[in-house]
Protein backbone atom coordinates (compact mmCIF):
# COMPACT_ATOMS: atom_id res chain seq x y z
CA MET A 1 -6.51 -11.05 49.09
CA ARG A 2 -5.29 -10.47 45.52
CA LEU A 3 -4.66 -14.19 44.94
CA ARG A 4 -8.08 -14.62 46.17
CA SER A 5 -9.69 -11.60 43.92
CA LEU A 6 -7.99 -13.42 40.78
CA ALA A 7 -9.37 -17.14 41.49
CA ALA A 8 -12.34 -15.26 41.40
CA LEU A 9 -12.46 -13.44 38.36
CA VAL A 10 -10.59 -15.80 36.56
CA VAL A 11 -13.53 -18.11 37.23
CA LEU A 12 -15.93 -15.55 36.26
CA ALA A 13 -14.32 -15.20 33.08
CA ALA A 14 -14.67 -18.59 32.15
CA GLY A 15 -18.51 -18.85 32.47
CA SER A 16 -18.46 -15.67 30.21
CA PRO A 17 -19.23 -15.43 27.03
CA VAL A 18 -16.18 -12.45 26.50
CA HIS A 19 -12.93 -13.40 28.16
CA ALA A 20 -10.80 -10.29 29.04
CA ASP A 21 -7.46 -10.28 29.99
CA PRO A 22 -7.14 -11.93 33.43
CA VAL A 23 -4.16 -9.63 34.63
CA LEU A 24 -5.78 -6.19 34.11
CA ARG A 25 -9.06 -8.09 35.66
CA TRP A 26 -6.65 -8.84 39.01
CA LEU A 27 -5.43 -4.87 38.41
CA ARG A 28 -8.81 -3.82 38.59
CA ALA A 29 -10.34 -5.51 41.35
CA ALA A 30 -7.10 -4.24 43.50
CA HIS A 31 -8.15 -1.02 42.23
CA LEU A 32 -5.10 0.11 40.43
CA ALA A 33 -6.32 0.32 36.95
CA PRO A 34 -9.65 2.48 36.51
CA ALA A 35 -11.59 1.64 33.12
CA ASP A 36 -11.82 4.27 30.47
CA GLN A 37 -11.90 3.73 27.02
CA PRO A 38 -12.69 -0.05 24.76
CA GLY A 39 -9.84 -1.74 23.73
CA PRO A 40 -8.94 -3.52 20.39
CA GLY A 41 -11.68 -6.41 21.85
CA GLY A 42 -14.28 -4.05 22.04
CA ALA A 43 -14.36 -4.81 25.85
CA PRO A 44 -14.21 -1.57 28.38
CA ALA A 45 -10.24 -1.01 29.03
CA PRO A 46 -8.44 0.32 31.93
CA ALA A 47 -5.36 3.00 31.31
CA ALA A 48 -2.45 0.96 32.33
CA PRO A 49 -1.07 2.92 35.92
CA ALA A 50 1.91 4.20 35.02
CA ALA A 51 5.27 2.11 34.72
CA ALA A 52 7.91 3.71 36.78
CA PRO A 53 10.74 4.92 34.98
CA MET A 54 13.42 2.22 33.67
CA LEU A 55 17.09 2.55 33.17
CA GLY A 56 17.79 5.75 35.02
CA ASP A 57 16.74 8.49 33.55
CA VAL A 58 17.35 7.05 29.58
CA THR A 59 14.24 6.11 28.85
CA GLY A 60 11.78 8.82 30.86
CA GLU A 61 7.92 7.84 32.09
CA ALA A 62 6.09 5.94 29.57
CA GLN A 63 4.00 8.22 27.59
CA SER A 64 0.45 6.39 27.26
CA MET A 65 -1.09 6.05 23.93
CA GLY A 66 -4.13 4.08 22.71
CA LEU A 67 -3.84 1.81 19.63
CA ALA A 68 -6.59 4.30 17.54
CA ASP A 69 -3.68 7.10 18.44
CA LEU A 70 -1.10 5.09 17.69
CA LEU A 71 -2.48 4.11 13.83
CA GLN A 72 -3.39 7.25 13.07
CA VAL A 73 0.34 8.77 13.36
CA ALA A 74 1.40 5.60 11.40
CA VAL A 75 -1.28 6.03 8.47
CA ARG A 76 -0.35 9.77 8.14
CA GLN A 77 3.36 9.83 8.50
CA ALA A 78 3.94 5.91 7.02
CA PRO A 79 6.75 6.08 4.26
CA ALA A 80 4.78 3.37 2.09
CA LEU A 81 1.82 4.99 1.99
CA ALA A 82 3.60 8.61 1.00
CA GLN A 83 5.47 6.52 -2.20
CA ALA A 84 2.08 5.24 -2.67
CA LYS A 85 0.44 8.55 -3.54
CA ILE A 86 3.28 9.88 -5.27
CA ASP A 87 2.81 6.19 -7.50
CA ILE A 88 -0.85 7.63 -8.07
CA GLU A 89 0.12 10.88 -9.06
CA LEU A 90 2.22 9.91 -11.56
CA ALA A 91 -0.17 7.17 -12.82
CA GLN A 92 -2.37 10.11 -13.15
CA ALA A 93 -0.18 12.12 -14.84
CA GLU A 94 1.05 9.33 -17.24
CA ILE A 95 -2.79 8.91 -18.51
CA GLN A 96 -3.09 12.74 -19.07
CA ARG A 97 0.15 12.40 -21.24
CA SER A 98 -1.14 9.15 -23.06
CA GLN A 99 -4.18 11.45 -24.13
CA ALA A 100 -1.98 13.59 -25.90
CA TRP A 101 -2.81 12.16 -28.94
CA ALA A 102 -6.32 13.65 -29.56
CA ASP A 103 -4.44 17.40 -29.27
CA TRP A 104 -5.22 19.59 -31.97
CA ALA A 105 -1.58 20.34 -33.43
CA LEU A 106 -1.44 24.26 -35.18
CA ALA A 107 1.33 24.83 -37.46
CA ALA A 108 2.24 28.03 -39.22
CA GLU A 109 5.42 29.03 -41.35
CA VAL A 110 6.82 31.95 -43.46
CA ALA A 111 9.58 31.74 -45.33
CA GLY A 112 11.16 33.74 -47.74
CA SER A 113 13.96 33.38 -50.21
CA THR A 114 16.25 35.49 -53.01
CA ARG A 115 18.38 33.96 -55.57
CA ASP A 116 21.00 36.47 -58.02
CA SER A 117 22.60 34.56 -60.58
CA GLY A 118 25.08 36.71 -61.52
CA PHE A 119 24.01 37.30 -65.35
CA GLY A 120 21.37 40.15 -64.90
CA GLU A 121 18.55 37.60 -63.16
CA ARG A 122 17.08 37.67 -59.63
CA VAL A 123 14.06 35.48 -58.31
CA ASP A 124 12.87 36.51 -55.25
CA GLY A 125 10.02 34.31 -53.27
CA VAL A 126 7.62 34.49 -49.99
CA ASN A 127 5.58 31.28 -48.37
CA VAL A 128 3.17 31.53 -46.17
CA SER A 129 1.36 28.55 -44.92
CA ALA A 130 -0.64 27.43 -41.62
CA SER A 131 -2.38 23.83 -40.91
CA VAL A 132 -4.83 22.80 -38.09
CA ALA A 133 -4.99 18.70 -37.89
CA ARG A 134 -6.40 15.77 -35.21
CA ALA A 135 -5.31 12.52 -34.72
CA LEU A 136 -8.85 10.12 -35.12
CA SER A 137 -9.73 7.57 -32.99
CA THR A 138 -9.96 5.24 -35.74
CA GLY A 139 -5.76 5.43 -35.87
CA GLY A 140 -5.76 7.88 -39.18
CA ALA A 141 -6.21 12.01 -38.89
CA VAL A 142 -7.76 14.87 -40.53
CA GLY A 143 -6.13 18.14 -41.25
CA LEU A 144 -6.51 21.22 -42.98
CA ALA A 145 -4.00 23.60 -44.50
CA ALA A 146 -3.77 26.99 -46.51
CA GLY A 147 -1.12 28.59 -47.88
CA GLY A 148 -0.33 31.41 -50.02
CA SER A 149 3.08 32.37 -52.27
CA TRP A 150 4.40 35.21 -53.76
CA SER A 151 7.44 35.34 -55.96
CA ARG A 152 8.77 37.90 -58.55
CA ARG A 153 11.12 37.29 -61.21
CA GLU A 154 14.11 39.92 -62.66
CA PHE A 155 15.84 39.57 -65.81
CA LEU A 156 17.80 41.65 -68.33
CA PHE A 157 17.28 41.09 -72.07
CA ARG A 158 19.36 41.91 -74.24
CA ASP A 159 19.88 41.68 -77.96
CA GLU A 160 23.13 40.92 -79.06
CA ASP A 161 22.53 42.62 -82.67
CA THR A 162 20.71 45.64 -82.07
CA GLY A 163 21.96 46.07 -78.72
CA PHE A 164 18.87 46.82 -77.14
CA SER A 165 18.28 45.37 -73.30
CA GLU A 166 15.40 45.57 -71.47
CA LEU A 167 14.35 44.75 -67.37
CA ILE A 168 11.64 42.28 -67.28
CA THR A 169 9.63 41.72 -63.92
CA SER A 170 6.83 39.04 -63.18
CA THR A 171 5.15 39.07 -60.25
CA GLY A 172 2.89 35.72 -59.51
CA TYR A 173 0.76 34.69 -56.50
CA ASN A 174 -0.60 31.08 -55.64
CA GLU A 175 -2.79 30.43 -52.63
CA SER A 176 -4.46 27.14 -52.10
CA ILE A 177 -6.56 25.07 -49.53
CA VAL A 178 -6.34 21.82 -48.88
CA VAL A 179 -8.04 19.32 -46.65
CA THR A 180 -5.90 16.09 -45.68
CA PHE A 181 -7.27 12.69 -44.24
CA ALA A 182 -4.77 9.73 -43.87
CA GLN A 183 -6.17 6.02 -42.47
CA PRO A 184 -4.35 3.29 -41.76
CA LEU A 185 -6.09 0.05 -43.05
CA LEU A 186 -4.51 -3.33 -41.28
CA ARG A 187 -1.65 -2.52 -38.38
CA GLY A 188 -2.75 0.73 -36.42
CA ARG A 189 -6.08 1.07 -37.18
CA GLY A 190 -8.20 1.00 -34.49
CA GLU A 191 -9.77 2.51 -31.06
CA ALA A 192 -8.29 -0.07 -29.19
CA ILE A 193 -4.76 0.21 -30.88
CA VAL A 194 -4.81 4.13 -30.42
CA ARG A 195 -5.91 4.25 -26.92
CA ALA A 196 -3.60 1.60 -26.02
CA GLY A 197 -1.44 4.03 -24.30
CA GLU A 198 -3.91 5.10 -22.18
CA ARG A 199 -5.37 1.97 -21.27
CA LEU A 200 -2.09 1.29 -20.08
CA ALA A 201 -1.69 4.16 -18.36
CA ALA A 202 -5.21 3.39 -16.57
CA THR A 203 -4.16 0.10 -15.81
CA GLN A 204 -0.53 1.42 -14.36
CA ARG A 205 -2.57 4.10 -12.28
CA ASP A 206 -5.31 1.38 -11.01
CA ALA A 207 -2.03 -0.88 -9.52
CA ALA A 208 -1.01 1.95 -7.93
CA GLN A 209 -3.97 2.70 -6.04
CA ILE A 210 -4.33 -0.94 -5.12
CA ALA A 211 -0.58 -0.52 -3.66
CA GLN A 212 -1.83 1.95 -1.83
CA ARG A 213 -4.24 0.34 -0.37
CA SER A 214 -2.02 -2.85 0.69
CA ALA A 215 0.50 -0.62 2.00
CA ALA A 216 -2.36 0.74 4.20
CA ILE A 217 -2.90 -2.92 5.60
CA ALA A 218 0.68 -3.53 6.19
CA VAL A 219 1.06 -0.65 7.86
CA VAL A 220 -2.33 -1.07 10.10
CA ARG A 221 -1.34 -4.66 10.53
CA ASP A 222 1.92 -4.14 11.87
CA VAL A 223 1.14 -1.63 13.94
CA VAL A 224 -1.66 -3.44 15.86
CA LEU A 225 1.18 -6.26 16.13
CA GLY A 226 3.57 -4.53 17.58
CA TYR A 227 0.97 -2.91 19.89
CA LEU A 228 0.44 -6.40 20.82
CA ASP A 229 3.94 -7.54 21.88
CA LEU A 230 3.62 -4.30 24.07
CA VAL A 231 0.74 -5.39 25.89
CA ALA A 232 2.30 -8.85 26.04
CA ALA A 233 5.28 -7.86 27.43
CA GLU A 234 3.48 -5.40 30.05
CA ARG A 235 1.07 -8.12 31.28
CA ASP A 236 4.52 -10.21 31.36
CA LEU A 237 5.91 -7.96 33.69
CA GLU A 238 2.97 -7.89 35.75
CA ILE A 239 2.99 -11.14 36.22
CA ARG A 240 6.50 -11.76 37.24
CA ARG A 241 6.23 -8.51 39.23
CA ALA A 242 3.65 -9.91 41.02
CA SER A 243 5.50 -13.10 41.73
CA LEU A 244 7.78 -11.16 43.34
CA GLU A 245 5.61 -9.43 45.47
CA LEU A 246 4.55 -12.98 46.77
CA ALA A 247 7.84 -14.13 47.34
CA GLN A 248 8.79 -10.88 49.26
CA GLU A 249 5.52 -11.81 51.01
CA ARG A 250 6.50 -15.25 51.53
CA LEU A 251 10.03 -13.55 52.87
CA ARG A 252 8.41 -11.54 55.34
CA VAL A 253 6.40 -14.06 57.27
CA THR A 254 9.60 -16.37 57.10
CA GLU A 255 11.43 -14.27 58.85
CA ALA A 256 8.47 -13.13 61.53
CA GLY A 257 8.49 -17.06 62.01
CA ILE A 258 11.63 -17.07 62.55
CA ARG A 259 12.18 -14.49 65.25
CA GLY A 260 9.04 -16.27 66.92
CA GLY A 261 11.55 -19.53 67.51
CA GLY A 262 8.73 -21.47 64.89
CA VAL A 263 10.80 -21.62 62.39
CA ALA A 264 14.46 -22.41 61.03
CA LYS A 265 16.82 -20.27 59.28
CA ALA A 266 17.29 -22.48 56.70
CA GLU A 267 14.03 -21.96 55.37
CA LEU A 268 15.20 -18.10 54.19
CA ILE A 269 17.77 -19.47 52.03
CA PRO A 270 15.05 -20.96 48.99
CA VAL A 271 12.81 -17.60 49.39
CA GLU A 272 16.14 -15.38 49.58
CA GLN A 273 17.03 -17.36 46.12
CA ALA A 274 13.56 -17.20 44.69
CA ILE A 275 13.66 -13.45 45.23
CA ALA A 276 17.14 -12.97 43.59
CA THR A 277 16.05 -14.95 40.58
CA ARG A 278 12.39 -13.29 40.11
CA GLU A 279 14.31 -9.54 40.62
CA GLU A 280 16.55 -10.54 37.30
CA GLU A 281 13.25 -11.72 36.01
CA VAL A 282 11.88 -8.42 36.24
CA MET A 283 15.01 -6.52 35.23
CA ALA A 284 14.28 -8.25 32.09
CA GLY A 285 10.81 -8.07 31.62
CA GLU A 286 11.70 -4.36 31.82
CA LEU A 287 14.03 -4.66 28.91
CA VAL A 288 11.38 -6.69 26.65
CA VAL A 289 8.78 -3.87 27.37
CA LEU A 290 11.41 -1.31 25.95
CA ASP A 291 12.68 -3.08 23.44
CA SER A 292 8.45 -3.43 22.16
CA SER A 293 7.75 0.04 22.58
CA LEU A 294 11.44 0.88 20.62
CA ALA A 295 10.18 -1.24 17.87
CA LEU A 296 6.54 -0.15 18.17
CA ARG A 297 7.69 3.74 17.92
CA ARG A 298 10.10 2.49 15.10
CA ARG A 299 7.14 1.41 13.06
CA VAL A 300 4.74 4.65 13.75
CA GLN A 301 7.09 6.73 13.07
CA LEU A 302 7.64 8.42 16.78
CA PRO A 303 10.46 10.26 17.88
CA ILE A 304 13.42 8.01 19.63
CA GLU A 305 15.47 10.02 21.94
CA ARG A 306 16.71 10.28 25.29
CA GLY A 307 13.57 10.64 27.56
CA GLN A 308 11.28 9.37 25.03
CA LEU A 309 11.57 5.55 24.18
CA LEU A 310 8.81 3.85 26.57
CA LEU A 311 5.23 3.56 25.48
CA ALA A 312 2.81 2.80 27.33
CA SER A 313 -0.98 0.57 26.59
CA THR A 314 -4.38 1.80 27.12
CA GLY A 315 -6.09 -1.34 25.70
CA ASP A 316 -8.23 -4.21 27.57
CA LEU A 317 -7.49 -6.96 25.41
CA ALA A 318 -10.12 -9.74 25.40
CA ILE A 319 -11.94 -12.44 23.62
CA PRO A 320 -15.21 -11.71 21.83
CA ALA A 321 -17.53 -14.53 21.29
CA ARG A 322 -18.15 -15.13 17.47
CA SER A 323 -18.31 -17.52 14.91
CA TRP A 324 -15.73 -18.23 12.01
CA SER A 325 -16.92 -19.56 8.82
CA GLN A 326 -13.90 -20.37 6.85
CA ASP A 327 -15.93 -20.37 3.77
CA GLN A 328 -16.88 -17.18 4.20
CA LEU A 329 -13.78 -15.69 5.42
CA ILE A 330 -11.95 -17.24 2.25
CA GLU A 331 -14.48 -15.83 -0.06
CA ALA A 332 -13.85 -12.34 1.15
CA ALA A 333 -10.32 -12.83 1.18
CA LEU A 334 -10.14 -13.40 -2.38
CA ALA A 335 -12.72 -10.73 -3.16
CA SER A 336 -10.80 -8.15 -1.57
CA SER A 337 -6.76 -9.26 -1.70
CA PRO A 338 -4.78 -6.62 -2.90
CA GLU A 339 -2.20 -9.15 -4.30
CA LEU A 340 -4.73 -10.39 -6.71
CA ALA A 341 -6.02 -7.27 -7.59
CA GLN A 342 -2.84 -6.10 -8.57
CA LEU A 343 -2.52 -9.07 -10.60
CA ARG A 344 -5.27 -8.30 -12.43
CA ALA A 345 -4.40 -4.97 -13.23
CA SER A 346 -1.42 -6.44 -14.56
CA GLU A 347 -3.12 -9.12 -16.61
CA ALA A 348 -5.28 -6.26 -17.92
CA GLY A 349 -1.79 -4.32 -18.94
CA ALA A 350 -0.89 -7.52 -20.48
CA THR A 351 -3.94 -8.25 -22.47
CA ILE A 352 -3.38 -5.10 -24.20
CA GLU A 353 0.35 -5.52 -25.27
CA VAL A 354 -0.54 -8.95 -26.70
CA GLU A 355 -3.36 -6.92 -28.81
CA ILE A 356 -0.75 -4.01 -29.51
CA THR A 357 1.90 -7.13 -30.82
CA GLU A 358 -0.22 -8.97 -32.21
CA ASN A 359 -1.64 -6.03 -34.52
CA GLY A 360 1.91 -5.42 -34.99
CA MET A 361 2.32 -8.68 -37.04
CA LEU A 362 -0.40 -6.97 -39.65
CA PRO A 363 1.30 -5.09 -43.15
CA SER A 364 1.41 -1.83 -42.89
CA LEU A 365 -1.23 -0.41 -45.23
CA ASP A 366 -2.02 3.26 -45.37
CA LEU A 367 -4.70 5.13 -47.41
CA SER A 368 -4.05 8.84 -47.67
CA LEU A 369 -5.85 11.49 -49.47
CA GLN A 370 -5.84 15.46 -50.09
CA VAL A 371 -8.47 17.34 -51.91
CA GLY A 372 -8.47 21.25 -52.16
CA PRO A 373 -8.84 24.25 -54.92
CA SER A 374 -5.82 26.60 -55.64
CA GLY A 375 -6.13 29.87 -57.50
CA THR A 376 -2.85 31.57 -59.30
CA ALA A 377 -3.08 35.18 -60.84
CA ASP A 378 -0.25 37.90 -61.01
CA GLY A 379 -2.54 39.82 -57.74
CA PRO A 380 -3.67 38.30 -54.51
CA ILE A 381 -7.21 39.30 -54.87
CA THR A 382 -7.68 37.83 -58.33
CA ALA A 383 -5.73 34.35 -57.20
CA ALA A 384 -7.92 34.02 -53.75
CA LYS A 385 -10.88 34.67 -56.73
CA ASN A 386 -9.60 31.84 -58.74
CA MET A 387 -9.44 29.38 -55.83
CA VAL A 388 -12.85 30.19 -54.32
CA GLN A 389 -14.47 30.30 -57.76
CA PHE A 390 -12.86 26.37 -57.97
CA ASP A 391 -10.77 27.38 -61.07
CA GLU A 392 -7.81 25.34 -60.32
CA PHE A 393 -8.43 21.69 -58.35
CA THR A 394 -6.36 19.73 -56.95
CA ALA A 395 -7.11 15.92 -55.58
CA VAL A 396 -4.21 13.17 -54.65
CA GLY A 397 -4.66 9.81 -53.55
CA SER A 398 -2.04 6.99 -52.41
CA LEU A 399 -2.24 3.78 -51.37
CA ARG A 400 0.99 2.32 -49.78
CA LEU A 401 1.44 -1.04 -48.52
CA GLU A 402 4.40 -2.34 -46.57
CA THR A 403 5.61 -4.92 -44.64
CA THR A 404 8.23 -7.67 -43.81
CA LEU A 405 7.93 -11.40 -45.21
CA ASP A 406 8.98 -13.44 -42.16
CA ARG A 407 7.98 -10.43 -40.05
CA THR A 408 10.08 -12.31 -37.57
CA GLN A 409 10.21 -9.11 -34.86
CA ALA A 410 6.64 -8.80 -34.60
CA LYS A 411 5.86 -12.43 -33.93
CA ALA A 412 8.77 -12.73 -31.38
CA ASN A 413 7.10 -9.76 -29.85
CA ALA A 414 3.52 -10.92 -29.67
CA ARG A 415 4.61 -14.04 -28.36
CA ALA A 416 6.61 -12.27 -25.14
CA ALA A 417 3.71 -10.68 -25.00
CA ARG A 418 1.52 -13.80 -24.54
CA GLY A 419 3.81 -15.67 -22.24
CA ARG A 420 4.14 -12.40 -19.67
CA ARG A 421 0.32 -12.51 -20.10
CA GLU A 422 0.23 -16.16 -19.00
CA ARG A 423 2.71 -15.61 -16.29
CA VAL A 424 0.52 -13.30 -14.47
CA ARG A 425 -2.17 -15.41 -14.68
CA VAL A 426 0.12 -18.76 -13.46
CA THR A 427 0.92 -16.81 -10.49
CA ALA A 428 -2.37 -15.27 -9.53
CA ILE A 429 -3.42 -19.69 -9.28
CA ASP A 430 -0.68 -19.52 -7.10
CA VAL A 431 -1.25 -16.22 -4.91
CA ARG A 432 -5.13 -17.72 -4.20
CA SER A 433 -3.67 -20.91 -2.83
CA GLN A 434 -1.44 -19.10 -0.68
CA ILE A 435 -4.23 -17.17 0.39
CA VAL A 436 -7.09 -19.53 0.74
CA GLU A 437 -3.79 -21.68 3.06
CA ALA A 438 -3.11 -18.25 5.33
CA VAL A 439 -7.26 -17.88 6.00
CA THR A 440 -7.24 -21.71 6.65
CA ARG A 441 -4.33 -21.65 9.00
CA ALA A 442 -5.43 -18.31 10.70
CA VAL A 443 -8.91 -20.05 11.77
CA ALA A 444 -7.32 -22.64 13.36
CA GLN A 445 -5.48 -20.62 15.14
CA VAL A 446 -7.97 -18.50 16.39
CA GLN A 447 -9.89 -21.64 17.20
CA VAL A 448 -7.31 -23.57 18.95
CA ALA A 449 -7.01 -20.14 21.14
CA GLU A 450 -10.44 -20.02 22.34
CA ARG A 451 -10.30 -23.42 23.39
CA ARG A 452 -6.65 -23.21 24.71
CA TYR A 453 -7.86 -20.03 27.08
CA GLY A 454 -10.60 -21.75 28.80
CA ILE A 455 -7.89 -24.82 29.58
CA ALA A 456 -5.76 -21.47 30.83
CA VAL A 457 -8.53 -20.32 32.84
CA ARG A 458 -8.98 -23.58 34.63
CA ALA A 459 -5.42 -23.76 35.24
CA VAL A 460 -4.79 -20.84 36.60
CA ALA A 461 -7.84 -21.22 38.95
CA LEU A 462 -5.79 -24.46 39.92
CA ALA A 463 -2.80 -23.27 40.69
CA GLU A 464 -4.31 -20.76 42.71
CA GLN A 465 -6.20 -23.91 44.62
CA ASN A 466 -2.74 -25.36 44.91
CA LEU A 467 -0.98 -22.29 46.60
CA GLU A 468 -3.19 -22.25 48.91
CA VAL A 469 -3.46 -25.34 49.68
CA GLU A 470 0.17 -25.16 49.63
CA GLN A 471 0.32 -22.40 52.63
CA ALA A 472 -2.03 -24.45 54.50
CA ARG A 473 -0.16 -27.02 54.78
CA LEU A 474 3.19 -24.65 55.48
CA ALA A 475 1.28 -23.49 58.01
CA LEU A 476 0.39 -26.68 59.42
CA GLY A 477 4.22 -27.79 59.69
CA LYS A 478 4.08 -30.50 56.97
CA SER A 479 5.21 -28.54 54.05
CA ARG A 480 8.51 -26.01 53.49
CA ASN A 481 8.99 -23.09 52.00
CA VAL A 482 10.34 -24.41 49.03
CA ASP A 483 7.32 -26.06 47.84
CA VAL A 484 4.99 -23.23 48.42
CA LEU A 485 7.28 -21.21 46.32
CA MET A 486 7.43 -23.92 43.79
CA ARG A 487 3.09 -23.82 43.76
CA GLN A 488 3.69 -19.52 42.81
CA ASP A 489 6.29 -20.54 40.10
CA GLU A 490 3.47 -22.87 38.62
CA LEU A 491 0.98 -20.08 39.10
CA ARG A 492 3.23 -17.76 37.33
CA ALA A 493 3.45 -19.85 34.49
CA ALA A 494 0.07 -20.52 34.56
CA GLN A 495 -1.22 -16.72 34.51
CA LEU A 496 1.88 -16.15 31.78
CA ARG A 497 0.16 -19.09 29.39
CA ALA A 498 -3.29 -17.07 29.79
CA VAL A 499 -1.91 -13.80 28.74
CA ARG A 500 -0.29 -15.40 25.36
CA THR A 501 -3.04 -17.21 24.91
CA ILE A 502 -5.01 -14.01 24.44
CA ILE A 503 -2.34 -12.47 22.37
CA ASP A 504 -2.23 -14.88 20.21
CA TRP A 505 -6.30 -15.28 19.13
CA HIS A 506 -5.75 -11.55 19.02
CA ARG A 507 -2.72 -11.77 16.42
CA ALA A 508 -4.04 -14.65 14.73
CA ALA A 509 -7.76 -12.19 14.31
CA THR A 510 -5.22 -9.72 12.68
CA ALA A 511 -4.24 -11.85 10.62
CA ILE A 512 -7.97 -12.30 9.42
CA ALA A 513 -8.91 -8.98 9.30
CA ALA A 514 -5.91 -7.98 7.19
CA LEU A 515 -6.77 -10.69 4.91
CA THR A 516 -10.19 -10.09 3.96
CA GLY A 517 -9.81 -6.58 4.18
CA GLU A 518 -11.49 -5.81 7.22
CA ILE A 519 -8.98 -4.06 9.37
CA LEU A 520 -9.12 -0.97 7.35
CA PRO A 521 -12.55 -0.26 8.33
CA GLN A 522 -12.22 -2.22 12.00
CA TYR A 523 -10.02 0.57 13.09
CA GLY A 524 -11.40 3.66 11.27
CA ILE A 525 -8.67 3.95 8.17
CA GLU A 526 -9.79 5.54 5.33
CA VAL A 527 -7.34 5.45 2.52
CA LYS A 528 -7.33 8.35 -0.04
């Protein structure tokens, strides 16, 4: 009955626009796997029957987890994504640090001094100053400085002829306000140069954000592929167990025939040999399921310990009917490629370096101006009054030129910066070619897998019919057990090829989704 159910469902799948997993269709028809939720392909998915514990108490019961749950855990715990978040924070801190050029700088100083010559002369002084300054986006700086000084001089006057002596004291105050302005006229001039550090930090931040998205795509892709490996191992094991059941049923029928006297005892030998071989294959398949579970646990960062080793998939893989436009997929892959986006950010950073180094080839020509009133008197109030009345006024201007004749280092720096930018552009051309090649190959693989599946479905149906014919021949005495077992092996091989075809289709479709960036919204993953 199971074989007839499988044959009927396989034929039905061949005429349907959505090709479902043949093994799970058979399980559902046999009332072993109720449907409960959609799988990765969008078809209704049955909850896989809990597999019996393998390897004794070491593995424990299989933990059923859907792909969506595994992806959420993986994204939440992936070290690569955690590192990407840290890199973004560091880049934001670098942007903030690079904006320090616009901060106001405040300074204040009080200084006192005293000097005693030892010959009856003493000089005391106090200087107070305060300033505020700020860099300009033009590359210059503007500032305001205010200062005051007090000095007192005492000296003993002696007249050697008359012997007259007198202590003479003089006091003076000086107060000033100065406006300062400095501006480079060649090297270092312009907002592009001033904000170069901020622009470079912004490109690093952009690159870190792109790297985060790229890491998310890689995590999701690897988990999906690991999940497909687990599904393939489970389906393989189910097919091999079903093949073992067929051999055991053949053994029961043969033993009954021997007891009835109509079958020779020699017919037991190939059946028992087939059972032993298929039991070994089932055990090997169980190890493959264990290996796939461990690999998937490691990718998702799930615990791996005694009793927590096995995972059980909950999805029914199907091949949905859809069209593939290679040109549109290539265009989408090029537009959303994290690698190309990172190269664009690197090229932007290299262009900024070229601007800086080319500006560094210019000679240094700096203009400096200092303008402000000052006042001097024997009292602080009088000195301040003289200052605000502009009794004394100071204006100082300078123009300073500095350069090297050969400018060897500046030329070398500019040449190296242009070379780095050109290298990024050449790399981008190569990456574009790789993306086009990868998309083309994946589209070809997915289209071939669709055609292979149609052939595999027919092959399963024909193998099913061949087995039924061989069993009918055996019932008429025109065949042997070894021939029936061979037909069973052919059926198993056809079923395995059908499952592998579905897995190959999903692997190729996953590759396309990763290349085009659709894999994140496809599984509801948001990168924050």
